[in-house]
Amino acid sequence: MTRIKPDLVKAEFMLGQGLSALGLSVPAGGVQSMLSYLQLLEKWGRTYNLSAIRELSVMVPQHLLDSLSAAPYLKGRRVLDVGSGPGLPGLPLAIVFPQLSVTLLESRHKRVQFLLHVVAQLRLTNVDVVHQRVEQYQPAAKFDTLITRAFSSITEFVGKAEHLCARDGRLIALKGRYPRAELDAAKRSGVATSAVHHVEVPGLAAQRHIVILNPRRG
């Protein structure tokens, strides 16, 4: 008889509560897929240093719900997760929104191997993994939304990634505290900020902000 870990039970409860608080409905099997992803992240994280967090119940708000808080700000169908790392925020978004086509762009080999394993294990047909540096990536078609969680400063993010954004697309940077210094630096470099949204992530006491940016033209 397989014994279910108490932390997994707690994580499933927190995920359900969090999804409800965010107003998100999940396709059949989506909750289990996200929990399986966290278990893989916890397992591989010990060897590949993917996350400092080891408890599944702590990963739920820190990784899953934090990523999903960006859902209302996505634009279009084609989404690029820049500097995806262990798949955040791209994998949770791809699981909850199977109609999206999500590309995980990552330059570090070990993390790419992890992402490929997760995509295969969870049978995520709407996810592609690309092993490439963002400034060298030249896809056949540009993306409607570029999103990043921990890639770089706002100015560097736009500077390195804007060539991948469709003309009417948007760039989204997930940040902690209000990034005033980064926004000031971005403005000086000619980056246009469309909006900055304060978001409440269920189960997370820390501040979170989502910065919406427009690609520069000319």
C-alpha atoms as a PDB file:
ATOM      1  CA  MET A   1       0.000   0.000   0.000  1.00  0.00           C
ATOM      2  CA  THR A   2       1.430   3.367  -1.084  1.00  0.00           C
ATOM      3  CA  ARG A   3       1.547   5.938   1.676  1.00  0.00           C
ATOM      4  CA  ILE A   4       0.645   9.471   0.590  1.00  0.00           C
ATOM      5  CA  LYS A   5       2.982  12.080   1.992  1.00  0.00           C
ATOM      6  CA  PRO A   6       1.225  14.589   4.297  1.00  0.00           C
ATOM      7  CA  ASP A   7       2.993  17.444   2.532  1.00  0.00           C
ATOM      8  CA  LEU A   8       1.528  16.333  -0.808  1.00  0.00           C
ATOM      9  CA  VAL A   9      -1.968  16.337   0.694  1.00  0.00           C
ATOM     10  CA  LYS A  10      -1.353  19.815   2.084  1.00  0.00           C
ATOM     11  CA  ALA A  11       0.017  20.985  -1.276  1.00  0.00           C
ATOM     12  CA  GLU A  12      -3.064  19.710  -3.120  1.00  0.00           C
ATOM     13  CA  PHE A  13      -5.360  21.509  -0.669  1.00  0.00           C
ATOM     14  CA  MET A  14      -3.393  24.766  -0.959  1.00  0.00           C
ATOM     15  CA  LEU A  15      -3.389  24.534  -4.738  1.00  0.00           C
ATOM     16  CA  GLY A  16      -7.148  24.068  -4.862  1.00  0.00           C
ATOM     17  CA  GLN A  17      -7.700  27.003  -2.533  1.00  0.00           C
ATOM     18  CA  GLY A  18      -5.274  29.159  -4.482  1.00  0.00           C
ATOM     19  CA  LEU A  19      -6.779  28.404  -7.871  1.00  0.00           C
ATOM     20  CA  SER A  20     -10.200  29.291  -6.510  1.00  0.00           C
ATOM     21  CA  ALA A  21      -8.879  32.584  -5.090  1.00  0.00           C
ATOM     22  CA  LEU A  22      -7.343  33.435  -8.468  1.00  0.00           C
ATOM     23  CA  GLY A  23     -10.599  32.570 -10.227  1.00  0.00           C
ATOM     24  CA  LEU A  24      -8.973  29.919 -12.380  1.00  0.00           C
ATOM     25  CA  SER A  25     -10.602  26.714 -13.562  1.00  0.00           C
ATOM     26  CA  VAL A  26      -8.247  23.881 -14.458  1.00  0.00           C
ATOM     27  CA  PRO A  27      -8.769  21.257 -17.191  1.00  0.00           C
ATOM     28  CA  ALA A  28      -9.184  17.615 -16.200  1.00  0.00           C
ATOM     29  CA  GLY A  29      -5.949  16.257 -14.784  1.00  0.00           C
ATOM     30  CA  GLY A  30      -4.439  19.730 -14.472  1.00  0.00           C
ATOM     31  CA  VAL A  31      -4.120  19.746 -10.691  1.00  0.00           C
ATOM     32  CA  GLN A  32      -2.434  16.346 -10.706  1.00  0.00           C
ATOM     33  CA  SER A  33      -0.091  17.486 -13.482  1.00  0.00           C
ATOM     34  CA  MET A  34       0.986  20.502 -11.462  1.00  0.00           C
ATOM     35  CA  LEU A  35       1.549  18.380  -8.357  1.00  0.00           C
ATOM     36  CA  SER A  36       3.547  15.865 -10.408  1.00  0.00           C
ATOM     37  CA  TYR A  37       5.621  18.742 -11.741  1.00  0.00           C
ATOM     38  CA  LEU A  38       6.384  19.899  -8.196  1.00  0.00           C
ATOM     39  CA  GLN A  39       7.414  16.388  -7.207  1.00  0.00           C
ATOM     40  CA  LEU A  40       9.797  16.232 -10.159  1.00  0.00           C
ATOM     41  CA  LEU A  41      11.124  19.670  -9.260  1.00  0.00           C
ATOM     42  CA  GLU A  42      11.710  18.556  -5.682  1.00  0.00           C
ATOM     43  CA  LYS A  43      13.444  15.348  -6.830  1.00  0.00           C
ATOM     44  CA  TRP A  44      15.656  16.879  -9.512  1.00  0.00           C
ATOM     45  CA  GLY A  45      16.246  20.027  -7.481  1.00  0.00           C
ATOM     46  CA  ARG A  46      18.526  18.228  -5.063  1.00  0.00           C
ATOM     47  CA  THR A  47      20.994  17.371  -7.826  1.00  0.00           C
ATOM     48  CA  TYR A  48      20.535  20.224 -10.303  1.00  0.00           C
ATOM     49  CA  ASN A  49      19.972  23.071  -7.837  1.00  0.00           C
ATOM     50  CA  LEU A  50      16.699  24.013  -9.517  1.00  0.00           C
ATOM     51  CA  SER A  51      15.017  25.478  -6.440  1.00  0.00           C
ATOM     52  CA  ALA A  52      16.041  26.247  -2.882  1.00  0.00           C
ATOM     53  CA  ILE A  53      12.548  25.246  -1.727  1.00  0.00           C
ATOM     54  CA  ARG A  54      12.087  21.590  -0.794  1.00  0.00           C
ATOM     55  CA  GLU A  55       8.565  21.447   0.708  1.00  0.00           C
ATOM     56  CA  LEU A  56       5.816  20.893  -1.860  1.00  0.00           C
ATOM     57  CA  SER A  57       3.314  22.968   0.141  1.00  0.00           C
ATOM     58  CA  VAL A  58       5.724  25.924   0.062  1.00  0.00           C
ATOM     59  CA  MET A  59       6.314  25.475  -3.670  1.00  0.00           C
ATOM     60  CA  VAL A  60       2.581  25.865  -4.366  1.00  0.00           C
ATOM     61  CA  PRO A  61       2.362  29.622  -3.628  1.00  0.00           C
ATOM     62  CA  GLN A  62       6.013  30.400  -4.396  1.00  0.00           C
ATOM     63  CA  HIS A  63       6.092  28.689  -7.789  1.00  0.00           C
ATOM     64  CA  LEU A  64       2.651  27.664  -9.077  1.00  0.00           C
ATOM     65  CA  LEU A  65       0.328  30.405  -7.846  1.00  0.00           C
ATOM     66  CA  ASP A  66       2.918  33.132  -8.340  1.00  0.00           C
ATOM     67  CA  SER A  67       3.270  32.055 -11.978  1.00  0.00           C
ATOM     68  CA  LEU A  68      -0.482  31.759 -12.503  1.00  0.00           C
ATOM     69  CA  SER A  69      -1.091  35.268 -11.147  1.00  0.00           C
ATOM     70  CA  ALA A  70       0.101  36.479 -14.559  1.00  0.00           C
ATOM     71  CA  ALA A  71      -2.735  34.707 -16.372  1.00  0.00           C
ATOM     72  CA  PRO A  72      -5.022  37.770 -16.809  1.00  0.00           C
ATOM     73  CA  TYR A  73      -2.233  39.689 -18.542  1.00  0.00           C
ATOM     74  CA  LEU A  74      -1.310  37.197 -21.256  1.00  0.00           C
ATOM     75  CA  LYS A  75      -1.984  38.248 -24.826  1.00  0.00           C
ATOM     76  CA  GLY A  76      -2.558  35.996 -27.806  1.00  0.00           C
ATOM     77  CA  ARG A  77      -1.865  32.294 -28.154  1.00  0.00           C
ATOM     78  CA  ARG A  78       1.912  32.092 -28.616  1.00  0.00           C
ATOM     79  CA  VAL A  79       3.808  32.564 -25.347  1.00  0.00           C
ATOM     80  CA  LEU A  80       7.571  32.578 -24.807  1.00  0.00           C
ATOM     81  CA  ASP A  81       8.984  32.014 -21.317  1.00  0.00           C
ATOM     82  CA  VAL A  82      12.365  33.780 -21.436  1.00  0.00           C
ATOM     83  CA  GLY A  83      15.037  32.275 -19.186  1.00  0.00           C
ATOM     84  CA  SER A  84      12.570  29.615 -18.059  1.00  0.00           C
ATOM     85  CA  GLY A  85      14.907  27.972 -15.535  1.00  0.00           C
ATOM     86  CA  PRO A  86      12.904  25.107 -13.997  1.00  0.00           C
ATOM     87  CA  GLY A  87       9.870  26.020 -16.128  1.00  0.00           C
ATOM     88  CA  LEU A  88       8.501  29.064 -14.341  1.00  0.00           C
ATOM     89  CA  PRO A  89       6.147  30.643 -15.180  1.00  0.00           C
ATOM     90  CA  GLY A  90       5.709  28.763 -18.450  1.00  0.00           C
ATOM     91  CA  LEU A  91       4.854  25.242 -17.287  1.00  0.00           C
ATOM     92  CA  PRO A  92       2.027  26.135 -14.858  1.00  0.00           C
ATOM     93  CA  LEU A  93       0.514  28.434 -17.495  1.00  0.00           C
ATOM     94  CA  ALA A  94       0.739  25.725 -20.162  1.00  0.00           C
ATOM     95  CA  ILE A  95      -0.973  23.185 -17.884  1.00  0.00           C
ATOM     96  CA  VAL A  96      -3.847  25.475 -16.939  1.00  0.00           C
ATOM     97  CA  PHE A  97      -4.282  26.856 -20.491  1.00  0.00           C
ATOM     98  CA  PRO A  98      -3.806  23.971 -22.960  1.00  0.00           C
ATOM     99  CA  GLN A  99      -4.988  26.243 -25.781  1.00  0.00           C
ATOM    100  CA  LEU A 100      -1.737  28.192 -25.475  1.00  0.00           C
ATOM    101  CA  SER A 101       1.398  27.307 -27.390  1.00  0.00           C
ATOM    102  CA  VAL A 102       4.181  27.796 -24.825  1.00  0.00           C
ATOM    103  CA  THR A 103       7.902  27.805 -25.601  1.00  0.00           C
ATOM    104  CA  LEU A 104      10.382  27.468 -22.733  1.00  0.00           C
ATOM    105  CA  LEU A 105      13.635  29.203 -23.651  1.00  0.00           C
ATOM    106  CA  GLU A 106      16.610  28.233 -21.489  1.00  0.00           C
ATOM    107  CA  SER A 107      20.371  28.359 -22.076  1.00  0.00           C
ATOM    108  CA  ARG A 108      21.589  26.060 -19.277  1.00  0.00           C
ATOM    109  CA  HIS A 109      21.953  22.425 -20.320  1.00  0.00           C
ATOM    110  CA  LYS A 110      20.940  20.751 -17.049  1.00  0.00           C
ATOM    111  CA  ARG A 111      17.799  22.818 -16.784  1.00  0.00           C
ATOM    112  CA  VAL A 112      16.908  22.043 -20.386  1.00  0.00           C
ATOM    113  CA  GLN A 113      17.255  18.344 -19.605  1.00  0.00           C
ATOM    114  CA  PHE A 114      14.876  18.761 -16.674  1.00  0.00           C
ATOM    115  CA  LEU A 115      12.346  20.661 -18.798  1.00  0.00           C
ATOM    116  CA  LEU A 116      12.422  18.021 -21.526  1.00  0.00           C
ATOM    117  CA  HIS A 117      11.860  15.322 -18.896  1.00  0.00           C
ATOM    118  CA  VAL A 118       8.880  17.157 -17.385  1.00  0.00           C
ATOM    119  CA  VAL A 119       7.270  17.783 -20.780  1.00  0.00           C
ATOM    120  CA  ALA A 120       7.644  14.100 -21.675  1.00  0.00           C
ATOM    121  CA  GLN A 121       6.439  12.818 -18.293  1.00  0.00           C
ATOM    122  CA  LEU A 122       3.379  15.065 -18.231  1.00  0.00           C
ATOM    123  CA  ARG A 123       2.713  14.651 -21.975  1.00  0.00           C
ATOM    124  CA  LEU A 124       2.417  18.373 -22.530  1.00  0.00           C
ATOM    125  CA  THR A 125       1.747  18.605 -26.260  1.00  0.00           C
ATOM    126  CA  ASN A 126       1.461  22.402 -26.163  1.00  0.00           C
ATOM    127  CA  VAL A 127       4.992  22.971 -24.840  1.00  0.00           C
ATOM    128  CA  ASP A 128       8.288  23.267 -26.726  1.00  0.00           C
ATOM    129  CA  VAL A 129      11.698  23.471 -25.053  1.00  0.00           C
ATOM    130  CA  VAL A 130      14.450  25.466 -26.772  1.00  0.00           C
ATOM    131  CA  HIS A 131      18.088  25.268 -25.670  1.00  0.00           C
ATOM    132  CA  GLN A 132      19.376  28.671 -26.750  1.00  0.00           C
ATOM    133  CA  ARG A 133      20.500  32.048 -25.494  1.00  0.00           C
ATOM    134  CA  VAL A 134      17.712  34.579 -25.891  1.00  0.00           C
ATOM    135  CA  GLU A 135      19.745  37.048 -27.948  1.00  0.00           C
ATOM    136  CA  GLN A 136      20.661  34.288 -30.431  1.00  0.00           C
ATOM    137  CA  TYR A 137      17.208  32.745 -30.753  1.00  0.00           C
ATOM    138  CA  GLN A 138      15.617  33.248 -34.168  1.00  0.00           C
ATOM    139  CA  PRO A 139      12.236  31.470 -34.350  1.00  0.00           C
ATOM    140  CA  ALA A 140      10.221  31.086 -37.528  1.00  0.00           C
ATOM    141  CA  ALA A 141       7.444  33.253 -36.066  1.00  0.00           C
ATOM    142  CA  LYS A 142       7.396  35.876 -33.334  1.00  0.00           C
ATOM    143  CA  PHE A 143       5.456  35.562 -30.084  1.00  0.00           C
ATOM    144  CA  ASP A 144       2.339  37.365 -28.815  1.00  0.00           C
ATOM    145  CA  THR A 145       3.550  37.390 -25.207  1.00  0.00           C
ATOM    146  CA  LEU A 146       7.068  37.266 -23.811  1.00  0.00           C
ATOM    147  CA  ILE A 147       7.157  36.571 -20.086  1.00  0.00           C
ATOM    148  CA  THR A 148       9.957  36.237 -17.555  1.00  0.00           C
ATOM    149  CA  ARG A 149      10.135  35.609 -13.845  1.00  0.00           C
ATOM    150  CA  ALA A 150      13.793  35.835 -12.868  1.00  0.00           C
ATOM    151  CA  PHE A 151      15.726  36.458 -16.065  1.00  0.00           C
ATOM    152  CA  SER A 152      17.195  39.921 -15.575  1.00  0.00           C
ATOM    153  CA  SER A 153      16.431  43.593 -15.095  1.00  0.00           C
ATOM    154  CA  ILE A 154      13.584  45.097 -17.084  1.00  0.00           C
ATOM    155  CA  THR A 155      15.954  46.972 -19.415  1.00  0.00           C
ATOM    156  CA  GLU A 156      18.029  43.854 -20.118  1.00  0.00           C
ATOM    157  CA  PHE A 157      14.915  41.751 -20.635  1.00  0.00           C
ATOM    158  CA  VAL A 158      13.521  44.096 -23.276  1.00  0.00           C
ATOM    159  CA  GLY A 159      16.912  44.717 -24.868  1.00  0.00           C
ATOM    160  CA  LYS A 160      17.695  41.029 -25.333  1.00  0.00           C
ATOM    161  CA  ALA A 161      14.218  39.676 -26.039  1.00  0.00           C
ATOM    162  CA  GLU A 162      12.188  42.323 -27.878  1.00  0.00           C
ATOM    163  CA  HIS A 163      13.235  40.989 -31.304  1.00  0.00           C
ATOM    164  CA  LEU A 164      11.135  37.924 -30.469  1.00  0.00           C
ATOM    165  CA  CYS A 165       7.954  39.911 -29.804  1.00  0.00           C
ATOM    166  CA  ALA A 166       5.221  40.394 -32.407  1.00  0.00           C
ATOM    167  CA  ARG A 167       4.580  43.983 -33.470  1.00  0.00           C
ATOM    168  CA  ASP A 168       1.372  44.185 -31.433  1.00  0.00           C
ATOM    169  CA  GLY A 169       2.644  41.851 -28.702  1.00  0.00           C
ATOM    170  CA  ARG A 170       3.718  42.540 -25.131  1.00  0.00           C
ATOM    171  CA  LEU A 171       6.469  41.727 -22.692  1.00  0.00           C
ATOM    172  CA  ILE A 172       5.652  40.778 -19.094  1.00  0.00           C
ATOM    173  CA  ALA A 173       8.113  40.862 -16.191  1.00  0.00           C
ATOM    174  CA  LEU A 174       7.151  39.260 -12.873  1.00  0.00           C
ATOM    175  CA  LYS A 175       8.716  41.196 -10.002  1.00  0.00           C
ATOM    176  CA  GLY A 176       8.629  41.304  -6.216  1.00  0.00           C
ATOM    177  CA  ARG A 177       8.561  44.744  -4.653  1.00  0.00           C
ATOM    178  CA  TYR A 178       7.615  47.710  -6.815  1.00  0.00           C
ATOM    179  CA  PRO A 179      10.679  47.936  -9.123  1.00  0.00           C
ATOM    180  CA  ARG A 180      11.032  51.710  -9.136  1.00  0.00           C
ATOM    181  CA  ALA A 181      14.749  51.799  -9.936  1.00  0.00           C
ATOM    182  CA  GLU A 182      14.330  49.313 -12.783  1.00  0.00           C
ATOM    183  CA  LEU A 183      11.403  51.247 -14.208  1.00  0.00           C
ATOM    184  CA  ASP A 184      13.355  54.508 -14.075  1.00  0.00           C
ATOM    185  CA  ALA A 185      16.289  52.869 -15.849  1.00  0.00           C
ATOM    186  CA  ALA A 186      13.960  51.375 -18.454  1.00  0.00           C
ATOM    187  CA  LYS A 187      12.398  54.768 -19.135  1.00  0.00           C
ATOM    188  CA  ARG A 188      15.828  56.316 -19.662  1.00  0.00           C
ATOM    189  CA  SER A 189      16.644  53.606 -22.201  1.00  0.00           C
ATOM    190  CA  GLY A 190      13.453  54.259 -24.151  1.00  0.00           C
ATOM    191  CA  VAL A 191      11.447  51.275 -22.918  1.00  0.00           C
ATOM    192  CA  ALA A 192       7.729  52.029 -22.745  1.00  0.00           C
ATOM    193  CA  THR A 193       5.938  50.670 -19.687  1.00  0.00           C
ATOM    194  CA  SER A 194       2.277  50.014 -20.425  1.00  0.00           C
ATOM    195  CA  ALA A 195       1.212  49.222 -16.832  1.00  0.00           C
ATOM    196  CA  VAL A 196       2.386  47.971 -13.456  1.00  0.00           C
ATOM    197  CA  HIS A 197      -0.058  45.772 -11.540  1.00  0.00           C
ATOM    198  CA  HIS A 198       0.154  44.893  -7.871  1.00  0.00           C
ATOM    199  CA  VAL A 199      -1.015  41.302  -7.457  1.00  0.00           C
ATOM    200  CA  GLU A 200      -2.005  39.281  -4.430  1.00  0.00           C
ATOM    201  CA  VAL A 201      -0.711  35.715  -4.634  1.00  0.00           C
ATOM    202  CA  PRO A 202      -2.745  33.369  -2.394  1.00  0.00           C
ATOM    203  CA  GLY A 203      -0.625  32.036   0.459  1.00  0.00           C
ATOM    204  CA  LEU A 204       2.264  34.386  -0.247  1.00  0.00           C
ATOM    205  CA  ALA A 205       2.950  37.268   2.120  1.00  0.00           C
ATOM    206  CA  ALA A 206       5.637  38.881  -0.060  1.00  0.00           C
ATOM    207  CA  GLN A 207       4.864  41.724  -2.444  1.00  0.00           C
ATOM    208  CA  ARG A 208       4.370  40.900  -6.119  1.00  0.00           C
ATOM    209  CA  HIS A 209       4.104  43.192  -9.134  1.00  0.00           C
ATOM    210  CA  ILE A 210       3.572  42.468 -12.812  1.00  0.00           C
ATOM    211  CA  VAL A 211       5.118  44.900 -15.282  1.00  0.00           C
ATOM    212  CA  ILE A 212       3.618  45.131 -18.771  1.00  0.00           C
ATOM    213  CA  LEU A 213       5.985  46.495 -21.451  1.00  0.00           C
ATOM    214  CA  ASN A 214       5.836  47.395 -25.104  1.00  0.00           C
ATOM    215  CA  PRO A 215       8.627  46.417 -27.513  1.00  0.00           C
ATOM    216  CA  ARG A 216      10.610  49.364 -28.856  1.00  0.00           C
ATOM    217  CA  ARG A 217      10.325  50.061 -32.561  1.00  0.00           C
ATOM    218  CA  GLY A 218      12.673  51.688 -34.985  1.00  0.00           C
END
